[in-house]
Amino acid sequence: MVSASTTPTPASAPAHRYDVPATAEEAVMVTLARLGRRMRQRHPGEELDFGAILLMKSLLHAPMRLSSLAATLDLDASTVSRHVRHLEERGLLERSADP
């Protein structure tokens, strides 16, 4: 078992799923970690993962080069290319020649 807590919990204390964060920074980190887990969860019937949704949101206002999209999302170009290919196969976006 792995535990980051250094303070023992009394046997009479109620069992909580999560300990109360000691600092504001720790609270933010815990909240972001929980949010990240929730965003990565896929539910039955969902076809898109969160990364694909972010990619599509980035393209709402104007077309972008793949390299610019990768830089905007701070992702590797191969990852963005894979997402674009999947979205293109589903008919959710289309590639065009760069003028």
N, C-alpha and C. Protein backbone atom coordinates (compact mmCIF):
# COMPACT_ATOMS: atom_id res chain seq x y z
N MET A 1 0.85 -1.17 0.00
CA MET A 1 0.00 0.00 0.00
C MET A 1 0.89 1.24 0.00
N VAL A 2 0.49 2.24 -0.72
CA VAL A 2 1.23 3.49 -0.82
C VAL A 2 0.40 4.58 -0.18
N SER A 3 1.04 5.40 0.64
CA SER A 3 0.33 6.48 1.29
C SER A 3 1.23 7.70 1.39
N ALA A 4 0.68 8.87 1.09
CA ALA A 4 1.44 10.11 1.17
C ALA A 4 1.21 10.80 2.50
N SER A 5 0.26 10.32 3.27
CA SER A 5 -0.07 10.96 4.54
C SER A 5 0.94 10.55 5.61
N THR A 6 1.39 11.53 6.39
CA THR A 6 2.33 11.24 7.47
C THR A 6 1.67 11.29 8.83
N THR A 7 0.43 11.77 8.86
CA THR A 7 -0.28 11.84 10.14
C THR A 7 -1.21 10.66 10.27
N PRO A 8 -1.11 9.91 11.37
CA PRO A 8 -1.99 8.76 11.54
C PRO A 8 -3.43 9.22 11.78
N THR A 9 -4.35 8.42 11.28
CA THR A 9 -5.77 8.70 11.46
C THR A 9 -6.25 7.90 12.66
N PRO A 10 -6.86 8.56 13.62
CA PRO A 10 -7.37 7.83 14.78
C PRO A 10 -8.43 6.82 14.35
N ALA A 11 -8.48 5.71 15.06
CA ALA A 11 -9.43 4.66 14.72
C ALA A 11 -10.87 5.14 14.82
N SER A 12 -11.11 6.14 15.66
CA SER A 12 -12.48 6.63 15.83
C SER A 12 -12.88 7.66 14.77
N ALA A 13 -11.93 8.11 13.97
CA ALA A 13 -12.23 9.12 12.95
C ALA A 13 -13.05 8.49 11.84
N PRO A 14 -13.99 9.27 11.25
CA PRO A 14 -14.79 8.73 10.16
C PRO A 14 -13.92 8.45 8.93
N ALA A 15 -14.26 7.42 8.21
CA ALA A 15 -13.49 7.06 7.00
C ALA A 15 -13.93 7.97 5.86
N HIS A 16 -12.99 8.73 5.30
CA HIS A 16 -13.24 9.60 4.15
C HIS A 16 -12.46 9.06 2.97
N ARG A 17 -13.01 9.27 1.82
CA ARG A 17 -12.33 8.81 0.61
C ARG A 17 -11.05 9.61 0.38
N TYR A 18 -11.09 10.91 0.67
CA TYR A 18 -9.93 11.78 0.47
C TYR A 18 -9.66 12.57 1.74
N ASP A 19 -8.40 12.76 2.05
CA ASP A 19 -8.04 13.61 3.18
C ASP A 19 -8.23 15.06 2.78
N VAL A 20 -8.44 15.92 3.77
CA VAL A 20 -8.56 17.35 3.52
C VAL A 20 -7.17 17.89 3.19
N PRO A 21 -7.03 18.60 2.07
CA PRO A 21 -5.72 19.15 1.71
C PRO A 21 -5.21 20.11 2.78
N ALA A 22 -3.89 20.07 3.01
CA ALA A 22 -3.27 20.90 4.05
C ALA A 22 -3.07 22.34 3.60
N THR A 23 -2.90 22.55 2.30
CA THR A 23 -2.64 23.90 1.79
C THR A 23 -3.54 24.19 0.59
N ALA A 24 -3.61 25.45 0.23
CA ALA A 24 -4.40 25.83 -0.95
C ALA A 24 -3.80 25.22 -2.22
N GLU A 25 -2.48 25.18 -2.29
CA GLU A 25 -1.81 24.60 -3.46
C GLU A 25 -2.15 23.13 -3.60
N GLU A 26 -2.14 22.41 -2.47
CA GLU A 26 -2.48 20.99 -2.50
C GLU A 26 -3.94 20.80 -2.92
N ALA A 27 -4.81 21.67 -2.47
CA ALA A 27 -6.22 21.59 -2.86
C ALA A 27 -6.38 21.77 -4.37
N VAL A 28 -5.64 22.71 -4.93
CA VAL A 28 -5.69 22.94 -6.38
C VAL A 28 -5.18 21.72 -7.12
N MET A 29 -4.07 21.15 -6.67
CA MET A 29 -3.50 19.97 -7.32
C MET A 29 -4.47 18.79 -7.27
N VAL A 30 -5.08 18.57 -6.13
CA VAL A 30 -6.05 17.47 -5.98
C VAL A 30 -7.24 17.70 -6.91
N THR A 31 -7.73 18.92 -6.95
CA THR A 31 -8.87 19.25 -7.81
C THR A 31 -8.53 19.04 -9.28
N LEU A 32 -7.35 19.49 -9.70
CA LEU A 32 -6.94 19.32 -11.09
C LEU A 32 -6.78 17.84 -11.44
N ALA A 33 -6.23 17.05 -10.53
CA ALA A 33 -6.07 15.62 -10.78
C ALA A 33 -7.43 14.95 -10.93
N ARG A 34 -8.38 15.29 -10.08
CA ARG A 34 -9.73 14.73 -10.18
C ARG A 34 -10.40 15.14 -11.48
N LEU A 35 -10.26 16.41 -11.83
CA LEU A 35 -10.84 16.91 -13.07
C LEU A 35 -10.24 16.19 -14.27
N GLY A 36 -8.93 16.01 -14.25
CA GLY A 36 -8.26 15.29 -15.34
C GLY A 36 -8.79 13.88 -15.50
N ARG A 37 -8.97 13.18 -14.38
CA ARG A 37 -9.51 11.82 -14.44
C ARG A 37 -10.92 11.82 -15.02
N ARG A 38 -11.74 12.76 -14.58
CA ARG A 38 -13.12 12.83 -15.07
C ARG A 38 -13.16 13.14 -16.57
N MET A 39 -12.27 14.01 -17.02
CA MET A 39 -12.26 14.39 -18.43
C MET A 39 -11.79 13.24 -19.31
N ARG A 40 -10.95 12.36 -18.78
CA ARG A 40 -10.45 11.24 -19.57
C ARG A 40 -11.43 10.06 -19.59
N GLN A 41 -12.40 10.05 -18.71
CA GLN A 41 -13.37 8.96 -18.68
C GLN A 41 -14.27 9.05 -19.90
N ARG A 42 -14.53 7.90 -20.46
CA ARG A 42 -15.47 7.84 -21.58
C ARG A 42 -16.68 7.05 -21.15
N HIS A 43 -17.82 7.50 -21.55
CA HIS A 43 -19.06 6.85 -21.19
C HIS A 43 -19.59 6.07 -22.38
N PRO A 44 -20.42 5.06 -22.14
CA PRO A 44 -20.97 4.28 -23.26
C PRO A 44 -21.65 5.19 -24.28
N GLY A 45 -21.34 4.96 -25.53
CA GLY A 45 -21.93 5.75 -26.60
C GLY A 45 -21.11 6.95 -27.02
N GLU A 46 -20.13 7.36 -26.23
CA GLU A 46 -19.30 8.49 -26.61
C GLU A 46 -18.27 8.04 -27.64
N GLU A 47 -18.16 8.81 -28.69
CA GLU A 47 -17.22 8.45 -29.75
C GLU A 47 -15.95 9.28 -29.72
N LEU A 48 -15.98 10.40 -29.05
CA LEU A 48 -14.83 11.29 -29.05
C LEU A 48 -14.20 11.35 -27.66
N ASP A 49 -12.89 11.39 -27.63
CA ASP A 49 -12.23 11.60 -26.35
C ASP A 49 -12.00 13.10 -26.16
N PHE A 50 -11.58 13.47 -24.98
CA PHE A 50 -11.46 14.89 -24.65
C PHE A 50 -10.44 15.60 -25.55
N GLY A 51 -9.36 14.92 -25.91
CA GLY A 51 -8.35 15.52 -26.78
C GLY A 51 -8.93 15.91 -28.13
N ALA A 52 -9.79 15.06 -28.68
CA ALA A 52 -10.41 15.37 -29.97
C ALA A 52 -11.34 16.57 -29.86
N ILE A 53 -12.03 16.67 -28.74
CA ILE A 53 -12.92 17.81 -28.53
C ILE A 53 -12.13 19.11 -28.45
N LEU A 54 -11.00 19.09 -27.74
CA LEU A 54 -10.16 20.29 -27.68
C LEU A 54 -9.64 20.67 -29.06
N LEU A 55 -9.26 19.66 -29.83
CA LEU A 55 -8.76 19.91 -31.18
C LEU A 55 -9.84 20.58 -32.02
N MET A 56 -11.05 20.05 -31.97
CA MET A 56 -12.14 20.64 -32.76
C MET A 56 -12.47 22.05 -32.29
N LYS A 57 -12.41 22.29 -30.99
CA LYS A 57 -12.67 23.63 -30.47
C LYS A 57 -11.65 24.62 -31.01
N SER A 58 -10.40 24.18 -31.14
CA SER A 58 -9.35 25.06 -31.67
C SER A 58 -9.60 25.43 -33.12
N LEU A 59 -10.36 24.62 -33.82
CA LEU A 59 -10.62 24.87 -35.25
C LEU A 59 -11.95 25.56 -35.52
N LEU A 60 -12.66 25.97 -34.46
CA LEU A 60 -13.97 26.59 -34.65
C LEU A 60 -13.93 27.88 -35.46
N HIS A 61 -12.92 28.69 -35.27
CA HIS A 61 -12.91 30.03 -35.86
C HIS A 61 -12.18 30.12 -37.20
N ALA A 62 -11.21 29.25 -37.41
CA ALA A 62 -10.46 29.32 -38.66
C ALA A 62 -9.68 28.03 -38.87
N PRO A 63 -9.43 27.67 -40.12
CA PRO A 63 -8.59 26.50 -40.38
C PRO A 63 -7.16 26.77 -39.91
N MET A 64 -6.45 25.71 -39.61
CA MET A 64 -5.06 25.84 -39.15
C MET A 64 -4.21 24.77 -39.80
N ARG A 65 -2.94 25.07 -39.95
CA ARG A 65 -1.99 24.05 -40.36
C ARG A 65 -1.84 23.06 -39.21
N LEU A 66 -1.51 21.83 -39.54
CA LEU A 66 -1.32 20.80 -38.54
C LEU A 66 -0.25 21.20 -37.53
N SER A 67 0.84 21.78 -38.02
CA SER A 67 1.93 22.19 -37.13
C SER A 67 1.49 23.31 -36.18
N SER A 68 0.68 24.24 -36.66
CA SER A 68 0.17 25.32 -35.81
C SER A 68 -0.81 24.78 -34.78
N LEU A 69 -1.62 23.83 -35.20
CA LEU A 69 -2.57 23.21 -34.28
C LEU A 69 -1.83 22.47 -33.17
N ALA A 70 -0.79 21.74 -33.54
CA ALA A 70 0.02 21.01 -32.55
C ALA A 70 0.66 21.99 -31.57
N ALA A 71 1.17 23.11 -32.08
CA ALA A 71 1.79 24.11 -31.21
C ALA A 71 0.76 24.76 -30.30
N THR A 72 -0.42 25.05 -30.83
CA THR A 72 -1.49 25.65 -30.03
C THR A 72 -1.90 24.74 -28.88
N LEU A 73 -2.00 23.45 -29.16
CA LEU A 73 -2.42 22.48 -28.16
C LEU A 73 -1.27 21.95 -27.32
N ASP A 74 -0.05 22.35 -27.67
CA ASP A 74 1.15 21.89 -26.97
C ASP A 74 1.24 20.36 -27.01
N LEU A 75 1.02 19.81 -28.22
CA LEU A 75 1.09 18.38 -28.44
C LEU A 75 2.06 18.08 -29.57
N ASP A 76 2.51 16.85 -29.62
CA ASP A 76 3.37 16.40 -30.71
C ASP A 76 2.54 16.36 -31.99
N ALA A 77 3.16 16.68 -33.11
CA ALA A 77 2.45 16.69 -34.39
C ALA A 77 1.88 15.32 -34.73
N SER A 78 2.55 14.23 -34.34
CA SER A 78 2.04 12.90 -34.64
C SER A 78 0.73 12.62 -33.88
N THR A 79 0.63 13.12 -32.66
CA THR A 79 -0.60 12.96 -31.87
C THR A 79 -1.74 13.72 -32.52
N VAL A 80 -1.48 14.95 -32.92
CA VAL A 80 -2.51 15.77 -33.57
C VAL A 80 -2.91 15.15 -34.90
N SER A 81 -1.93 14.64 -35.65
CA SER A 81 -2.22 14.00 -36.93
C SER A 81 -3.14 12.80 -36.75
N ARG A 82 -2.90 12.01 -35.71
CA ARG A 82 -3.74 10.85 -35.43
C ARG A 82 -5.17 11.28 -35.11
N HIS A 83 -5.31 12.31 -34.26
CA HIS A 83 -6.65 12.83 -33.92
C HIS A 83 -7.36 13.35 -35.18
N VAL A 84 -6.63 14.09 -35.99
CA VAL A 84 -7.21 14.66 -37.21
C VAL A 84 -7.68 13.54 -38.14
N ARG A 85 -6.87 12.50 -38.28
CA ARG A 85 -7.25 11.38 -39.14
C ARG A 85 -8.54 10.72 -38.65
N HIS A 86 -8.64 10.48 -37.33
CA HIS A 86 -9.85 9.87 -36.77
C HIS A 86 -11.07 10.77 -36.98
N LEU A 87 -10.90 12.06 -36.77
CA LEU A 87 -12.02 12.99 -36.95
C LEU A 87 -12.42 13.08 -38.42
N GLU A 88 -11.42 13.03 -39.30
CA GLU A 88 -11.70 13.06 -40.73
C GLU A 88 -12.45 11.80 -41.16
N GLU A 89 -12.06 10.64 -40.63
CA GLU A 89 -12.75 9.38 -40.93
C GLU A 89 -14.21 9.41 -40.48
N ARG A 90 -14.49 10.13 -39.41
CA ARG A 90 -15.86 10.24 -38.90
C ARG A 90 -16.65 11.36 -39.60
N GLY A 91 -15.99 12.09 -40.48
CA GLY A 91 -16.66 13.17 -41.20
C GLY A 91 -16.85 14.43 -40.38
N LEU A 92 -16.07 14.58 -39.30
CA LEU A 92 -16.22 15.75 -38.42
C LEU A 92 -15.32 16.90 -38.81
N LEU A 93 -14.34 16.65 -39.64
CA LEU A 93 -13.52 17.73 -40.20
C LEU A 93 -12.93 17.25 -41.51
N GLU A 94 -12.41 18.18 -42.26
CA GLU A 94 -11.77 17.80 -43.53
C GLU A 94 -10.47 18.54 -43.71
N ARG A 95 -9.55 17.85 -44.33
CA ARG A 95 -8.26 18.47 -44.64
C ARG A 95 -8.38 19.15 -46.01
N SER A 96 -7.61 20.18 -46.16
CA SER A 96 -7.54 20.84 -47.46
C SER A 96 -6.10 21.24 -47.72
N ALA A 97 -5.80 21.50 -48.97
CA ALA A 97 -4.44 21.90 -49.35
C ALA A 97 -4.14 23.28 -48.77
N ASP A 98 -2.91 23.47 -48.37
CA ASP A 98 -2.49 24.76 -47.84
C ASP A 98 -2.21 25.68 -49.03
N PRO A 99 -2.92 26.81 -49.10
CA PRO A 99 -2.75 27.72 -50.26
C PRO A 99 -1.38 28.34 -50.36
